[in-house]
């Protein structure tokens, strides 16, 4: 659930940031570039700490669940923005010029011509990032959120069988991530043929 929330929230934020990053407005381009550099240049664990403990400095009391969702969403938005920016900029210049020659407005050029093509290119790396995001949720255990890895740690402490417990946890992560990885490979093959 945490991965789904972070992916959807990060997708919405990432699209906005990607559009700002490809914008001709220099201020938007600059601000979105700094945002991406900050979140790609710092570890996810540090970002989770800053959200969880930083919010306390504002005299707000949030649960580990909310802090984990916010931290992962911010992290996902930066990475998805950069993936999608690259895909938008991969569209040949001729497509932009053809849409302009047809008299389409900037919004219609983006929505009707550029973004659909960029979406097709972006599917494999986006699914690949989702796999990494699912595995990244294991770091939320450090701020007290009980997810799969933390639950395995609790069970391991009670049963004194860490090898068995963490083998099962690893198998569960594998069962979640492997089908997504296969799907990503299939999407990549389909898009390279099209």
N, C-alpha and C. Protein backbone atom coordinates (compact mmCIF):
# COMPACT_ATOMS: atom_id res chain seq x y z
N UNK A 1 0.83 -1.20 0.00
CA UNK A 1 0.00 0.00 0.00
C UNK A 1 0.87 1.26 0.00
N UNK A 2 1.93 1.20 0.77
CA UNK A 2 2.84 2.34 0.84
C UNK A 2 3.47 2.61 -0.53
N UNK A 3 3.83 1.56 -1.24
CA UNK A 3 4.41 1.71 -2.58
C UNK A 3 3.40 2.32 -3.54
N UNK A 4 2.15 1.89 -3.44
CA UNK A 4 1.09 2.40 -4.33
C UNK A 4 0.88 3.90 -4.08
N UNK A 5 0.80 4.28 -2.82
CA UNK A 5 0.60 5.70 -2.47
C UNK A 5 1.78 6.52 -2.97
N UNK A 6 3.00 6.06 -2.71
CA UNK A 6 4.19 6.79 -3.13
C UNK A 6 4.28 6.88 -4.65
N UNK A 7 3.90 5.80 -5.34
CA UNK A 7 3.99 5.79 -6.79
C UNK A 7 2.96 6.73 -7.41
N UNK A 8 1.74 6.71 -6.90
CA UNK A 8 0.70 7.59 -7.45
C UNK A 8 1.02 9.05 -7.13
N UNK A 9 1.35 9.33 -5.87
CA UNK A 9 1.71 10.70 -5.49
C UNK A 9 2.96 11.17 -6.21
N UNK A 10 3.95 10.29 -6.29
CA UNK A 10 5.17 10.62 -7.01
C UNK A 10 4.94 10.80 -8.49
N UNK A 11 3.98 10.05 -9.04
CA UNK A 11 3.65 10.20 -10.46
C UNK A 11 3.04 11.55 -10.77
N UNK A 12 2.12 11.97 -9.92
CA UNK A 12 1.49 13.29 -10.12
C UNK A 12 2.54 14.40 -9.98
N UNK A 13 3.30 14.34 -8.88
CA UNK A 13 4.35 15.34 -8.68
C UNK A 13 5.43 15.25 -9.74
N UNK A 14 5.80 14.03 -10.11
CA UNK A 14 6.85 13.83 -11.10
C UNK A 14 6.48 14.40 -12.46
N UNK A 15 5.21 14.23 -12.86
CA UNK A 15 4.78 14.78 -14.14
C UNK A 15 4.86 16.31 -14.13
N UNK A 16 4.40 16.92 -13.04
CA UNK A 16 4.48 18.38 -12.93
C UNK A 16 5.93 18.86 -12.96
N UNK A 17 6.80 18.15 -12.25
CA UNK A 17 8.21 18.55 -12.21
C UNK A 17 8.86 18.32 -13.57
N UNK A 18 8.52 17.21 -14.25
CA UNK A 18 9.08 16.95 -15.58
C UNK A 18 8.66 18.03 -16.57
N UNK A 19 7.40 18.47 -16.49
CA UNK A 19 6.94 19.54 -17.38
C UNK A 19 7.64 20.86 -17.06
N UNK A 20 7.87 21.12 -15.78
CA UNK A 20 8.63 22.32 -15.40
C UNK A 20 10.07 22.22 -15.89
N UNK A 21 10.63 21.01 -15.80
CA UNK A 21 12.03 20.79 -16.21
C UNK A 21 12.21 20.96 -17.71
N UNK A 22 11.17 20.67 -18.50
CA UNK A 22 11.27 20.84 -19.95
C UNK A 22 10.70 22.17 -20.41
N UNK A 23 10.26 22.98 -19.46
CA UNK A 23 9.67 24.27 -19.78
C UNK A 23 10.74 25.25 -20.28
N UNK A 24 10.29 26.23 -21.06
CA UNK A 24 11.20 27.29 -21.51
C UNK A 24 11.31 28.41 -20.48
N UNK A 25 10.48 28.33 -19.43
CA UNK A 25 10.55 29.32 -18.35
C UNK A 25 11.73 28.95 -17.46
N UNK A 26 12.76 29.78 -17.47
CA UNK A 26 14.02 29.44 -16.81
C UNK A 26 13.88 29.23 -15.31
N UNK A 27 13.02 30.00 -14.66
CA UNK A 27 12.85 29.87 -13.20
C UNK A 27 12.27 28.49 -12.87
N UNK A 28 11.24 28.07 -13.61
CA UNK A 28 10.65 26.75 -13.37
C UNK A 28 11.68 25.65 -13.64
N UNK A 29 12.42 25.80 -14.71
CA UNK A 29 13.44 24.83 -15.08
C UNK A 29 14.50 24.73 -13.98
N UNK A 30 14.92 25.86 -13.47
CA UNK A 30 15.97 25.92 -12.44
C UNK A 30 15.48 25.31 -11.12
N UNK A 31 14.29 25.69 -10.68
CA UNK A 31 13.75 25.19 -9.40
C UNK A 31 13.53 23.68 -9.47
N UNK A 32 12.95 23.21 -10.57
CA UNK A 32 12.72 21.77 -10.70
C UNK A 32 14.04 21.02 -10.79
N UNK A 33 15.04 21.61 -11.41
CA UNK A 33 16.36 20.98 -11.48
C UNK A 33 16.99 20.84 -10.10
N UNK A 34 16.86 21.87 -9.26
CA UNK A 34 17.39 21.80 -7.89
C UNK A 34 16.66 20.72 -7.10
N UNK A 35 15.34 20.67 -7.23
CA UNK A 35 14.54 19.66 -6.53
C UNK A 35 15.03 18.25 -6.89
N UNK A 36 15.20 18.01 -8.17
CA UNK A 36 15.65 16.69 -8.62
C UNK A 36 17.04 16.39 -8.08
N UNK A 37 17.94 17.36 -8.16
CA UNK A 37 19.32 17.14 -7.69
C UNK A 37 19.37 16.84 -6.19
N UNK A 38 18.55 17.54 -5.42
CA UNK A 38 18.54 17.31 -3.97
C UNK A 38 18.07 15.89 -3.65
N UNK A 39 16.99 15.46 -4.27
CA UNK A 39 16.44 14.14 -3.95
C UNK A 39 17.23 13.00 -4.59
N UNK A 40 17.88 13.25 -5.72
CA UNK A 40 18.71 12.20 -6.31
C UNK A 40 20.11 12.18 -5.69
N UNK A 41 20.50 13.28 -5.08
CA UNK A 41 21.84 13.38 -4.51
C UNK A 41 21.93 13.01 -3.04
N UNK A 42 20.80 12.67 -2.42
CA UNK A 42 20.80 12.27 -1.01
C UNK A 42 20.16 10.89 -0.87
N UNK A 43 20.60 10.12 0.11
CA UNK A 43 20.03 8.77 0.28
C UNK A 43 18.56 8.83 0.73
N UNK A 44 17.81 7.84 0.30
CA UNK A 44 16.40 7.74 0.70
C UNK A 44 16.26 7.66 2.21
N UNK A 45 17.16 6.96 2.86
CA UNK A 45 17.11 6.84 4.32
C UNK A 45 17.21 8.22 4.98
N UNK A 46 18.10 9.06 4.50
CA UNK A 46 18.24 10.42 5.03
C UNK A 46 16.97 11.22 4.79
N UNK A 47 16.36 11.06 3.63
CA UNK A 47 15.12 11.78 3.32
C UNK A 47 14.01 11.37 4.27
N UNK A 48 13.93 10.08 4.58
CA UNK A 48 12.92 9.61 5.53
C UNK A 48 13.16 10.20 6.92
N UNK A 49 14.43 10.24 7.35
CA UNK A 49 14.76 10.85 8.64
C UNK A 49 14.36 12.32 8.67
N UNK A 50 14.68 13.06 7.62
CA UNK A 50 14.37 14.49 7.58
C UNK A 50 12.86 14.72 7.67
N UNK A 51 12.08 13.92 6.94
CA UNK A 51 10.63 14.09 6.99
C UNK A 51 10.11 13.74 8.37
N UNK A 52 10.52 12.59 8.90
CA UNK A 52 9.97 12.11 10.17
C UNK A 52 10.37 13.01 11.34
N UNK A 53 11.66 13.34 11.43
CA UNK A 53 12.12 14.15 12.56
C UNK A 53 12.02 15.64 12.28
N UNK A 54 12.07 16.04 11.01
CA UNK A 54 11.98 17.45 10.67
C UNK A 54 10.60 18.03 10.92
N UNK A 55 9.58 17.23 10.71
CA UNK A 55 8.22 17.70 10.96
C UNK A 55 8.01 17.98 12.45
N UNK A 56 8.70 17.24 13.30
CA UNK A 56 8.59 17.47 14.75
C UNK A 56 9.09 18.87 15.12
N UNK A 57 10.05 19.40 14.35
CA UNK A 57 10.54 20.75 14.61
C UNK A 57 9.47 21.81 14.36
N UNK A 58 8.48 21.45 13.55
CA UNK A 58 7.36 22.35 13.26
C UNK A 58 6.21 22.16 14.24
N UNK A 59 6.46 21.40 15.31
CA UNK A 59 5.47 21.08 16.33
C UNK A 59 4.26 20.33 15.77
N UNK A 60 4.51 19.52 14.75
CA UNK A 60 3.47 18.67 14.19
C UNK A 60 3.79 17.23 14.56
N UNK A 61 2.78 16.52 14.96
CA UNK A 61 2.97 15.12 15.33
C UNK A 61 2.34 14.25 14.24
N UNK A 62 3.20 13.57 13.47
CA UNK A 62 2.68 12.69 12.43
C UNK A 62 3.13 11.27 12.70
N UNK A 63 2.36 10.34 12.22
CA UNK A 63 2.69 8.93 12.42
C UNK A 63 3.81 8.52 11.47
N UNK A 64 4.42 7.39 11.78
CA UNK A 64 5.46 6.85 10.91
C UNK A 64 4.89 6.54 9.53
N UNK A 65 3.62 6.11 9.48
CA UNK A 65 2.95 5.81 8.21
C UNK A 65 2.91 7.05 7.31
N UNK A 66 2.47 8.19 7.87
CA UNK A 66 2.37 9.43 7.10
C UNK A 66 3.76 9.92 6.69
N UNK A 67 4.72 9.86 7.61
CA UNK A 67 6.09 10.29 7.29
C UNK A 67 6.69 9.43 6.19
N UNK A 68 6.46 8.13 6.25
CA UNK A 68 6.98 7.22 5.22
C UNK A 68 6.33 7.52 3.88
N UNK A 69 5.02 7.76 3.87
CA UNK A 69 4.32 8.07 2.62
C UNK A 69 4.83 9.38 2.02
N UNK A 70 5.01 10.40 2.85
CA UNK A 70 5.51 11.69 2.36
C UNK A 70 6.93 11.54 1.83
N UNK A 71 7.79 10.91 2.60
CA UNK A 71 9.19 10.75 2.19
C UNK A 71 9.33 9.97 0.89
N UNK A 72 8.62 8.86 0.78
CA UNK A 72 8.70 8.06 -0.44
C UNK A 72 8.06 8.78 -1.63
N UNK A 73 7.02 9.56 -1.40
CA UNK A 73 6.37 10.31 -2.48
C UNK A 73 7.32 11.38 -3.02
N UNK A 74 7.98 12.10 -2.12
CA UNK A 74 8.94 13.12 -2.56
C UNK A 74 10.09 12.48 -3.34
N UNK A 75 10.58 11.35 -2.83
CA UNK A 75 11.66 10.62 -3.49
C UNK A 75 11.21 10.15 -4.88
N UNK A 76 10.03 9.56 -4.96
CA UNK A 76 9.52 9.04 -6.23
C UNK A 76 9.29 10.16 -7.23
N UNK A 77 8.79 11.30 -6.77
CA UNK A 77 8.51 12.40 -7.70
C UNK A 77 9.78 12.89 -8.38
N UNK A 78 10.89 12.94 -7.66
CA UNK A 78 12.15 13.39 -8.25
C UNK A 78 12.65 12.40 -9.30
N UNK A 79 12.62 11.11 -8.98
CA UNK A 79 13.12 10.11 -9.92
C UNK A 79 12.21 9.96 -11.13
N UNK A 80 10.90 9.95 -10.91
CA UNK A 80 9.98 9.84 -12.03
C UNK A 80 10.06 11.08 -12.93
N UNK A 81 10.25 12.24 -12.32
CA UNK A 81 10.39 13.47 -13.11
C UNK A 81 11.58 13.37 -14.05
N UNK A 82 12.67 12.84 -13.57
CA UNK A 82 13.87 12.74 -14.40
C UNK A 82 13.71 11.68 -15.48
N UNK A 83 13.07 10.57 -15.15
CA UNK A 83 12.79 9.55 -16.17
C UNK A 83 11.91 10.14 -17.26
N UNK A 84 10.83 10.81 -16.85
CA UNK A 84 9.88 11.34 -17.82
C UNK A 84 10.44 12.53 -18.59
N UNK A 85 11.29 13.33 -17.95
CA UNK A 85 11.94 14.43 -18.67
C UNK A 85 12.77 13.89 -19.81
N UNK A 86 13.52 12.84 -19.54
CA UNK A 86 14.34 12.23 -20.58
C UNK A 86 13.49 11.68 -21.71
N UNK A 87 12.35 11.10 -21.37
CA UNK A 87 11.47 10.54 -22.40
C UNK A 87 10.82 11.65 -23.23
N UNK A 88 10.45 12.74 -22.59
CA UNK A 88 9.87 13.88 -23.32
C UNK A 88 10.91 14.46 -24.28
N UNK A 89 12.14 14.59 -23.80
CA UNK A 89 13.19 15.16 -24.65
C UNK A 89 13.69 14.18 -25.71
N UNK A 90 13.33 12.91 -25.59
CA UNK A 90 13.72 11.91 -26.58
C UNK A 90 12.84 11.96 -27.82
N UNK A 91 11.72 12.65 -27.73
CA UNK A 91 10.83 12.77 -28.89
C UNK A 91 11.54 13.64 -29.93
N UNK A 92 11.63 13.17 -31.16
CA UNK A 92 12.35 13.93 -32.20
C UNK A 92 11.79 15.34 -32.38
N UNK A 93 12.67 16.26 -32.68
CA UNK A 93 12.30 17.66 -32.87
C UNK A 93 11.27 17.81 -34.00
N UNK A 94 11.33 16.93 -34.98
CA UNK A 94 10.38 16.97 -36.09
C UNK A 94 8.94 16.83 -35.63
N UNK A 95 8.72 16.07 -34.56
CA UNK A 95 7.35 15.92 -34.02
C UNK A 95 6.84 17.24 -33.47
N UNK A 96 7.72 17.96 -32.78
CA UNK A 96 7.36 19.28 -32.25
C UNK A 96 7.03 20.24 -33.41
N UNK A 97 7.90 20.22 -34.42
CA UNK A 97 7.72 21.13 -35.55
C UNK A 97 6.46 20.79 -36.34
N UNK A 98 6.18 19.50 -36.52
CA UNK A 98 4.97 19.10 -37.25
C UNK A 98 3.72 19.54 -36.50
N UNK A 99 3.71 19.39 -35.17
CA UNK A 99 2.56 19.82 -34.37
C UNK A 99 2.40 21.33 -34.44
N UNK A 100 3.52 22.05 -34.44
CA UNK A 100 3.47 23.51 -34.54
C UNK A 100 2.95 23.91 -35.94
N UNK A 101 3.38 23.18 -36.98
CA UNK A 101 2.95 23.48 -38.35
C UNK A 101 1.45 23.26 -38.53
N UNK A 102 0.90 22.33 -37.74
CA UNK A 102 -0.55 22.09 -37.80
C UNK A 102 -1.34 23.16 -37.05
N UNK A 103 -0.63 24.06 -36.41
CA UNK A 103 -1.30 25.15 -35.70
C UNK A 103 -1.78 24.78 -34.31
N UNK A 104 -1.26 23.70 -33.75
CA UNK A 104 -1.68 23.29 -32.41
C UNK A 104 -1.06 24.22 -31.36
N UNK A 105 -1.84 24.51 -30.33
CA UNK A 105 -1.32 25.33 -29.23
C UNK A 105 -0.29 24.52 -28.44
N UNK A 106 0.44 25.18 -27.59
CA UNK A 106 1.46 24.51 -26.78
C UNK A 106 0.85 23.38 -25.95
N UNK A 107 -0.31 23.64 -25.36
CA UNK A 107 -0.98 22.63 -24.53
C UNK A 107 -1.38 21.43 -25.39
N UNK A 108 -1.98 21.69 -26.54
CA UNK A 108 -2.41 20.58 -27.41
C UNK A 108 -1.21 19.84 -28.00
N UNK A 109 -0.13 20.57 -28.31
CA UNK A 109 1.08 19.89 -28.80
C UNK A 109 1.57 18.89 -27.75
N UNK A 110 1.56 19.34 -26.49
CA UNK A 110 2.03 18.46 -25.41
C UNK A 110 1.08 17.30 -25.19
N UNK A 111 -0.22 17.60 -25.03
CA UNK A 111 -1.19 16.57 -24.69
C UNK A 111 -1.49 15.60 -25.82
N UNK A 112 -1.51 16.08 -27.05
CA UNK A 112 -1.95 15.25 -28.16
C UNK A 112 -0.81 14.61 -28.96
N UNK A 113 0.38 15.21 -28.90
CA UNK A 113 1.47 14.71 -29.74
C UNK A 113 2.65 14.20 -28.91
N UNK A 114 3.18 15.05 -28.06
CA UNK A 114 4.45 14.74 -27.38
C UNK A 114 4.26 13.75 -26.23
N UNK A 115 3.36 14.03 -25.29
CA UNK A 115 3.21 13.18 -24.11
C UNK A 115 2.77 11.75 -24.43
N UNK A 116 1.86 11.51 -25.39
CA UNK A 116 1.54 10.11 -25.70
C UNK A 116 2.76 9.31 -26.20
N UNK A 117 3.60 9.94 -27.00
CA UNK A 117 4.81 9.25 -27.47
C UNK A 117 5.81 9.04 -26.34
N UNK A 118 5.94 10.06 -25.49
CA UNK A 118 6.86 9.95 -24.35
C UNK A 118 6.38 8.89 -23.37
N UNK A 119 5.05 8.78 -23.21
CA UNK A 119 4.49 7.77 -22.31
C UNK A 119 4.90 6.36 -22.76
N UNK A 120 4.82 6.12 -24.04
CA UNK A 120 5.19 4.81 -24.58
C UNK A 120 6.66 4.49 -24.29
N UNK A 121 7.51 5.46 -24.47
CA UNK A 121 8.95 5.27 -24.22
C UNK A 121 9.21 5.07 -22.73
N UNK A 122 8.42 5.74 -21.89
CA UNK A 122 8.70 5.76 -20.45
C UNK A 122 8.23 4.53 -19.68
N UNK A 123 7.39 3.69 -20.29
CA UNK A 123 6.83 2.56 -19.55
C UNK A 123 7.89 1.63 -18.94
N UNK A 124 8.86 1.13 -19.70
CA UNK A 124 9.83 0.21 -19.09
C UNK A 124 10.63 0.83 -17.93
N UNK A 125 11.21 2.04 -18.08
CA UNK A 125 11.95 2.57 -16.93
C UNK A 125 11.06 2.93 -15.75
N UNK A 126 9.80 3.29 -16.04
CA UNK A 126 8.88 3.62 -14.94
C UNK A 126 8.56 2.37 -14.13
N UNK A 127 8.29 1.26 -14.80
CA UNK A 127 8.02 0.00 -14.09
C UNK A 127 9.28 -0.45 -13.35
N UNK A 128 10.44 -0.26 -13.96
CA UNK A 128 11.70 -0.59 -13.29
C UNK A 128 11.88 0.23 -12.02
N UNK A 129 11.53 1.51 -12.08
CA UNK A 129 11.61 2.33 -10.87
C UNK A 129 10.63 1.85 -9.81
N UNK A 130 9.43 1.43 -10.23
CA UNK A 130 8.44 0.92 -9.28
C UNK A 130 8.99 -0.28 -8.50
N UNK A 131 9.71 -1.15 -9.18
CA UNK A 131 10.34 -2.29 -8.51
C UNK A 131 11.31 -1.80 -7.44
N UNK A 132 12.13 -0.82 -7.78
CA UNK A 132 13.06 -0.26 -6.80
C UNK A 132 12.35 0.42 -5.65
N UNK A 133 11.22 1.06 -5.94
CA UNK A 133 10.44 1.73 -4.90
C UNK A 133 9.86 0.72 -3.91
N UNK A 134 9.38 -0.40 -4.44
CA UNK A 134 8.83 -1.44 -3.57
C UNK A 134 9.93 -1.94 -2.62
N UNK A 135 11.10 -2.17 -3.16
CA UNK A 135 12.21 -2.62 -2.32
C UNK A 135 12.65 -1.52 -1.35
N UNK A 136 12.54 -0.27 -1.78
CA UNK A 136 12.91 0.86 -0.93
C UNK A 136 12.03 1.04 0.29
N UNK A 137 10.81 0.49 0.24
CA UNK A 137 9.93 0.62 1.40
C UNK A 137 10.52 -0.08 2.63
N UNK A 138 11.45 -1.00 2.41
CA UNK A 138 12.07 -1.69 3.56
C UNK A 138 12.83 -0.71 4.45
N UNK A 139 13.27 0.42 3.90
CA UNK A 139 13.99 1.42 4.70
C UNK A 139 13.09 2.14 5.69
N UNK A 140 11.77 2.10 5.47
CA UNK A 140 10.87 2.81 6.38
C UNK A 140 10.82 2.17 7.76
N UNK A 141 11.34 0.96 7.88
CA UNK A 141 11.39 0.31 9.20
C UNK A 141 12.24 1.12 10.18
N UNK A 142 13.20 1.87 9.66
CA UNK A 142 14.12 2.62 10.52
C UNK A 142 13.42 3.77 11.24
N UNK A 143 12.28 4.24 10.70
CA UNK A 143 11.54 5.32 11.38
C UNK A 143 10.35 4.77 12.15
N UNK A 144 10.30 3.45 12.28
CA UNK A 144 9.27 2.84 13.11
C UNK A 144 8.05 2.35 12.37
N UNK A 145 8.07 2.41 11.05
CA UNK A 145 6.93 1.91 10.27
C UNK A 145 7.06 0.40 10.12
N UNK A 146 6.00 -0.30 10.41
CA UNK A 146 6.04 -1.76 10.32
C UNK A 146 5.59 -2.18 8.92
N UNK A 147 6.57 -2.52 8.10
CA UNK A 147 6.30 -3.06 6.77
C UNK A 147 6.88 -4.47 6.74
N UNK A 148 7.06 -5.03 5.59
CA UNK A 148 7.44 -6.43 5.46
C UNK A 148 8.76 -6.76 6.18
N UNK A 149 9.78 -5.96 5.98
CA UNK A 149 11.08 -6.23 6.61
C UNK A 149 11.00 -6.08 8.12
N UNK A 150 10.33 -5.04 8.58
CA UNK A 150 10.19 -4.82 10.03
C UNK A 150 9.36 -5.94 10.66
N UNK A 151 8.31 -6.37 9.98
CA UNK A 151 7.50 -7.48 10.49
C UNK A 151 8.35 -8.74 10.58
N UNK A 152 9.22 -8.95 9.58
CA UNK A 152 10.14 -10.09 9.63
C UNK A 152 11.09 -10.00 10.81
N UNK A 153 11.54 -8.80 11.11
CA UNK A 153 12.43 -8.61 12.26
C UNK A 153 11.72 -8.94 13.57
N UNK A 154 10.48 -8.52 13.69
CA UNK A 154 9.70 -8.81 14.89
C UNK A 154 9.51 -10.32 15.05
N UNK A 155 9.13 -10.98 13.96
CA UNK A 155 8.93 -12.43 14.00
C UNK A 155 10.25 -13.14 14.32
N UNK A 156 11.32 -12.66 13.71
CA UNK A 156 12.64 -13.26 13.95
C UNK A 156 13.05 -13.13 15.41
N UNK A 157 12.78 -11.98 16.02
CA UNK A 157 13.11 -11.79 17.44
C UNK A 157 12.29 -12.70 18.35
N UNK A 158 11.08 -13.06 17.92
CA UNK A 158 10.24 -13.93 18.73
C UNK A 158 10.53 -15.41 18.52
N UNK A 159 10.95 -15.77 17.31
CA UNK A 159 11.16 -17.19 17.02
C UNK A 159 12.62 -17.61 17.09
N UNK A 160 13.53 -16.65 17.09
CA UNK A 160 14.97 -16.93 17.10
C UNK A 160 15.40 -17.76 15.89
N UNK A 161 14.73 -17.53 14.76
CA UNK A 161 15.08 -18.20 13.50
C UNK A 161 15.22 -17.17 12.39
N UNK A 162 16.25 -16.32 12.48
CA UNK A 162 16.36 -15.23 11.50
C UNK A 162 16.57 -15.71 10.06
N UNK A 163 17.29 -16.80 9.87
CA UNK A 163 17.54 -17.28 8.51
C UNK A 163 16.24 -17.69 7.82
N UNK A 164 15.40 -18.42 8.53
CA UNK A 164 14.13 -18.87 7.96
C UNK A 164 13.21 -17.68 7.71
N UNK A 165 13.10 -16.81 8.71
CA UNK A 165 12.18 -15.67 8.60
C UNK A 165 12.59 -14.74 7.46
N UNK A 166 13.88 -14.40 7.38
CA UNK A 166 14.30 -13.45 6.35
C UNK A 166 14.37 -14.11 4.97
N UNK A 167 14.50 -15.42 4.92
CA UNK A 167 14.37 -16.13 3.64
C UNK A 167 12.94 -16.00 3.13
N UNK A 168 11.97 -16.09 4.03
CA UNK A 168 10.56 -15.93 3.65
C UNK A 168 10.29 -14.48 3.23
N UNK A 169 10.85 -13.53 3.98
CA UNK A 169 10.68 -12.11 3.63
C UNK A 169 11.28 -11.85 2.24
N UNK A 170 12.47 -12.38 2.00
CA UNK A 170 13.10 -12.22 0.68
C UNK A 170 12.27 -12.85 -0.42
N UNK A 171 11.70 -14.01 -0.14
CA UNK A 171 10.86 -14.69 -1.13
C UNK A 171 9.60 -13.87 -1.42
N UNK A 172 9.04 -13.22 -0.40
CA UNK A 172 7.86 -12.38 -0.61
C UNK A 172 8.19 -11.17 -1.48
N UNK A 173 9.34 -10.52 -1.20
CA UNK A 173 9.77 -9.41 -2.04
C UNK A 173 9.99 -9.88 -3.48
N UNK A 174 10.59 -11.05 -3.63
CA UNK A 174 10.83 -11.61 -4.95
C UNK A 174 9.52 -11.86 -5.68
N UNK A 175 8.53 -12.42 -4.98
CA UNK A 175 7.22 -12.70 -5.59
C UNK A 175 6.50 -11.43 -6.02
N UNK A 176 6.77 -10.33 -5.33
CA UNK A 176 6.16 -9.05 -5.70
C UNK A 176 6.91 -8.41 -6.86
N UNK A 177 8.24 -8.42 -6.80
CA UNK A 177 9.06 -7.67 -7.76
C UNK A 177 9.35 -8.41 -9.06
N UNK A 178 9.48 -9.72 -9.01
CA UNK A 178 9.86 -10.46 -10.22
C UNK A 178 8.83 -10.33 -11.34
N UNK A 179 7.53 -10.48 -11.06
CA UNK A 179 6.56 -10.28 -12.16
C UNK A 179 6.62 -8.87 -12.74
N UNK A 180 6.86 -7.87 -11.90
CA UNK A 180 6.99 -6.50 -12.40
C UNK A 180 8.22 -6.36 -13.29
N UNK A 181 9.32 -7.01 -12.90
CA UNK A 181 10.54 -6.97 -13.72
C UNK A 181 10.31 -7.64 -15.07
N UNK A 182 9.61 -8.77 -15.06
CA UNK A 182 9.29 -9.44 -16.33
C UNK A 182 8.42 -8.56 -17.21
N UNK A 183 7.44 -7.91 -16.58
CA UNK A 183 6.56 -7.01 -17.32
C UNK A 183 7.36 -5.87 -17.93
N UNK A 184 8.31 -5.32 -17.16
CA UNK A 184 9.16 -4.24 -17.65
C UNK A 184 9.98 -4.70 -18.85
N UNK A 185 10.52 -5.91 -18.79
CA UNK A 185 11.28 -6.45 -19.92
C UNK A 185 10.40 -6.60 -21.16
N UNK A 186 9.19 -7.11 -20.97
CA UNK A 186 8.26 -7.27 -22.10
C UNK A 186 7.90 -5.91 -22.71
N UNK A 187 7.65 -4.94 -21.84
CA UNK A 187 7.32 -3.59 -22.34
C UNK A 187 8.49 -3.02 -23.13
N UNK A 188 9.69 -3.25 -22.63
CA UNK A 188 10.87 -2.72 -23.33
C UNK A 188 11.02 -3.36 -24.71
N UNK A 189 10.79 -4.65 -24.81
CA UNK A 189 10.87 -5.34 -26.10
C UNK A 189 9.78 -4.85 -27.05
N UNK A 190 8.57 -4.65 -26.52
CA UNK A 190 7.47 -4.17 -27.36
C UNK A 190 7.75 -2.77 -27.89
N UNK A 191 8.23 -1.88 -27.02
CA UNK A 191 8.47 -0.51 -27.44
C UNK A 191 9.65 -0.41 -28.39
N UNK A 192 10.63 -1.31 -28.28
CA UNK A 192 11.77 -1.26 -29.20
C UNK A 192 11.38 -1.77 -30.58
N UNK A 193 10.36 -2.64 -30.66
CA UNK A 193 9.90 -3.16 -31.95
C UNK A 193 8.98 -2.18 -32.65
N UNK A 194 8.24 -1.39 -31.85
CA UNK A 194 7.25 -0.48 -32.43
C UNK A 194 7.88 0.76 -33.05
